[in-house]
Protein backbone atom coordinates (compact mmCIF):
# COMPACT_ATOMS: atom_id res chain seq x y z
CA MET A 1 0.00 0.00 0.00
CA ASP A 2 1.21 3.48 -0.78
CA ARG A 3 2.79 5.18 2.27
CA SER A 4 0.77 8.38 1.77
CA LEU A 5 -2.52 6.46 1.59
CA PHE A 6 -1.61 4.39 4.66
CA GLY A 7 -0.82 7.54 6.65
CA THR A 8 -4.08 9.13 5.54
CA LEU A 9 -6.03 6.06 6.71
CA ILE A 10 -4.24 6.13 10.09
CA ALA A 11 -4.96 9.85 10.49
CA GLY A 12 -8.62 9.31 9.59
CA LEU A 13 -8.95 6.48 12.09
CA ALA A 14 -7.22 8.60 14.75
CA PHE A 15 -9.91 11.27 14.49
CA LEU A 16 -12.87 8.90 14.13
CA PRO A 17 -13.64 8.75 17.89
CA TRP A 18 -13.61 12.56 18.02
CA ILE A 19 -16.09 12.74 15.13
CA VAL A 20 -18.39 10.22 16.82
CA GLU A 21 -18.24 12.22 20.06
CA VAL A 22 -19.20 15.43 18.24
CA PHE A 23 -22.25 13.71 16.70
CA PHE A 24 -23.15 12.40 20.14
CA GLN A 25 -22.94 15.96 21.48
CA VAL A 26 -25.44 17.21 18.89
CA ARG A 27 -28.04 14.79 20.25
CA LEU A 28 -27.09 15.61 23.83
CA GLN A 29 -27.40 19.35 23.21
CA ALA A 30 -30.84 18.84 21.68
CA ARG A 31 -31.98 16.86 24.72
CA PHE A 32 -30.54 19.56 27.02
CA LEU A 33 -32.43 22.34 25.22
CA GLU A 34 -35.66 20.33 25.36
CA ALA A 35 -35.21 19.79 29.12
CA LEU A 36 -34.51 23.45 29.90
CA PRO A 37 -37.40 25.36 31.45
CA ALA A 38 -39.11 27.70 28.98
CA GLU A 39 -37.85 30.88 30.67
CA ALA A 40 -34.24 29.64 30.70
CA ARG A 41 -34.43 28.70 27.03
CA ALA A 42 -36.01 32.06 26.14
CA ALA A 43 -33.12 33.83 27.90
CA LEU A 44 -30.64 32.30 25.43
CA PRO A 45 -29.63 34.32 22.34
CA PRO A 46 -31.67 33.74 19.17
CA HIS A 47 -31.47 30.11 18.10
CA PRO A 48 -33.29 27.58 15.88
CA ARG A 49 -36.71 26.55 17.16
CA ARG A 50 -36.06 22.84 16.72
CA PRO A 51 -33.56 21.64 19.35
CA MET A 52 -32.02 19.13 16.91
CA LEU A 53 -30.89 22.08 14.75
CA ALA A 54 -29.26 23.93 17.66
CA PHE A 55 -25.80 23.10 16.30
CA ALA A 56 -26.60 25.49 13.43
CA GLY A 57 -27.12 28.40 15.84
CA SER A 58 -24.87 31.40 16.09
CA THR A 59 -21.55 31.48 17.89
CA ARG A 60 -23.14 33.67 20.55
CA PHE A 61 -25.77 31.01 21.14
CA ALA A 62 -23.18 28.19 21.29
CA LEU A 63 -21.10 30.11 23.84
CA SER A 64 -24.22 30.83 25.89
CA VAL A 65 -25.15 27.14 25.96
CA TRP A 66 -21.57 26.30 26.93
CA ARG A 67 -21.72 28.79 29.81
CA SER A 68 -25.07 27.42 30.96
CA PHE A 69 -23.91 23.80 31.30
CA ARG A 70 -20.52 24.60 32.87
CA ARG A 71 -22.01 24.89 36.35
CA ASP A 72 -25.10 23.65 38.12
CA ALA A 73 -27.58 26.29 39.22
CA PRO A 74 -29.51 25.83 42.48
CA ASP A 75 -32.86 26.06 40.70
CA ASP A 76 -32.07 23.48 37.97
CA PRO A 77 -34.52 20.56 37.80
CA PRO A 78 -32.98 17.06 38.23
CA PRO A 79 -33.19 16.12 34.51
CA VAL A 80 -31.28 19.28 33.59
CA LEU A 81 -28.64 18.56 36.25
CA ALA A 82 -28.14 15.06 34.85
CA LEU A 83 -27.83 16.37 31.29
CA LYS A 84 -25.36 19.05 32.38
CA ALA A 85 -23.16 16.40 33.99
CA ARG A 86 -23.33 14.27 30.82
CA MET A 87 -22.45 17.28 28.66
CA ARG A 88 -19.43 18.10 30.82
CA ARG A 89 -18.20 14.48 30.59
CA SER A 90 -18.75 14.53 26.83
CA LEU A 91 -16.74 17.74 26.50
CA ARG A 92 -13.85 16.20 28.44
CA ARG A 93 -13.97 13.12 26.18
CA GLU A 94 -14.03 15.33 23.08
CA ILE A 95 -10.93 17.18 24.22
CA ALA A 96 -9.14 13.91 24.98
CA TRP A 97 -10.03 12.39 21.58
CA ALA A 98 -8.96 15.57 19.75
CA LEU A 99 -5.62 15.67 21.60
CA GLY A 100 -5.07 11.99 20.87
CA GLY A 101 -5.79 12.53 17.18
CA LEU A 102 -3.44 15.50 17.08
CA ALA A 103 -0.71 13.46 18.81
CA ILE A 104 -1.03 10.69 16.21
CA LEU A 105 -1.00 13.28 13.44
CA ALA A 106 2.18 14.79 14.89
CA LEU A 107 3.79 11.34 15.07
CA LEU A 108 2.87 10.65 11.46
CA LEU A 109 4.35 13.97 10.34
CA HIS A 110 7.48 13.35 12.41
CA ALA A 111 7.85 9.92 10.77
CA GLY A 112 7.87 11.55 7.34
CA TRP A 113 4.25 11.18 6.24
CA ARG A 114 3.02 14.01 4.07
CA PRO A 115 -0.63 14.08 2.99
CA TRP A 116 0.17 16.02 -0.18
CA SER A 117 2.87 13.70 -1.57
């Protein structure tokens, strides 16, 4: 097998868990927005009406959602608390998968792999 193709396959496989985690987060974010009380959801910046399309919202909206699940509020209902904890764990996994993929990419580049050759 061509060395460039082999390296490309390894790099793709290295980032596959990260891609799966991001798709998992889309579903998790939709469930979180559905579970939010109406007044909390209305306080967020303008966003798509359908929770499953929330990933297509603005950067301001994404940052606002990120800020809202970073910490538990005293008035959060139990389902929202559980989803916040799951979202925080998912974010930590995403960071770990991305760093692992970048480490493998760096090793491939150090070993002489070039995607353009």
